[in-house]
Amino acid sequence: MVPADVLGKLPNLQYFASVSGGRIIKGRFPIIDPDADVRNMPRAAA
C-alpha cells in the first residue's frame, strides 16, 4: 500500500486508487474550464 505520510503530501486533485488485481494507480482529476472552448474559437468576420 501507500504510506500514510505520502497520502498527506499529495497535491490537490491527485489520488491513489486500489483496483482489481491488487494494482495501485496514481492519478489526478483534470480541471475543466467551461469557458475554454469559447475563448479559443476564432471570431467571425462581420
Protein backbone atom coordinates (compact mmCIF):
# COMPACT_ATOMS: atom_id res chain seq x y z
CA MET A 1 0.00 0.00 0.00
CA VAL A 2 0.88 3.67 0.02
CA PRO A 3 2.34 5.06 3.26
CA ALA A 4 0.05 7.47 5.12
CA ASP A 5 2.61 10.29 5.11
CA VAL A 6 2.74 10.15 1.29
CA LEU A 7 -1.05 10.48 1.08
CA GLY A 8 -0.89 13.68 3.10
CA LYS A 9 1.67 15.15 0.70
CA LEU A 10 -0.35 14.59 -2.49
CA PRO A 11 -1.08 17.80 -4.42
CA ASN A 12 -4.70 18.91 -4.73
CA LEU A 13 -6.86 16.80 -7.04
CA GLN A 14 -4.41 13.86 -7.10
CA TYR A 15 -5.22 10.42 -5.72
CA PHE A 16 -4.20 6.79 -5.32
CA ALA A 17 -6.68 4.04 -6.23
CA SER A 18 -6.63 0.36 -5.43
CA VAL A 19 -8.18 -1.54 -8.34
CA SER A 20 -8.90 -5.18 -9.11
CA GLY A 21 -5.92 -7.47 -9.21
CA GLY A 22 -4.27 -5.61 -6.32
CA ARG A 23 -2.91 -2.86 -8.57
CA ILE A 24 -2.40 0.66 -7.19
CA ILE A 25 -2.89 3.57 -9.58
CA LYS A 26 -1.90 7.19 -9.03
CA GLY A 27 -3.98 9.71 -10.92
CA ARG A 28 -5.27 13.25 -10.99
CA PHE A 29 -8.56 14.88 -11.77
CA PRO A 30 -8.43 17.36 -14.64
CA ILE A 31 -9.58 20.91 -14.09
CA ILE A 32 -12.38 21.60 -16.56
CA ASP A 33 -12.85 25.18 -17.73
CA PRO A 34 -16.32 25.51 -19.31
CA ASP A 35 -15.30 28.79 -20.98
CA ALA A 36 -12.17 27.35 -22.63
CA ASP A 37 -13.94 26.49 -25.91
CA VAL A 38 -15.45 29.96 -26.16
CA ARG A 39 -12.09 31.72 -25.71
CA ASN A 40 -10.31 29.56 -28.29
CA MET A 41 -12.90 29.96 -31.06
CA PRO A 42 -11.93 32.29 -33.91
CA ARG A 43 -14.11 35.34 -34.24
CA ALA A 44 -16.34 35.51 -37.29
CA ALA A 45 -15.67 38.36 -39.71
CA ALA A 46 -18.55 40.82 -39.81
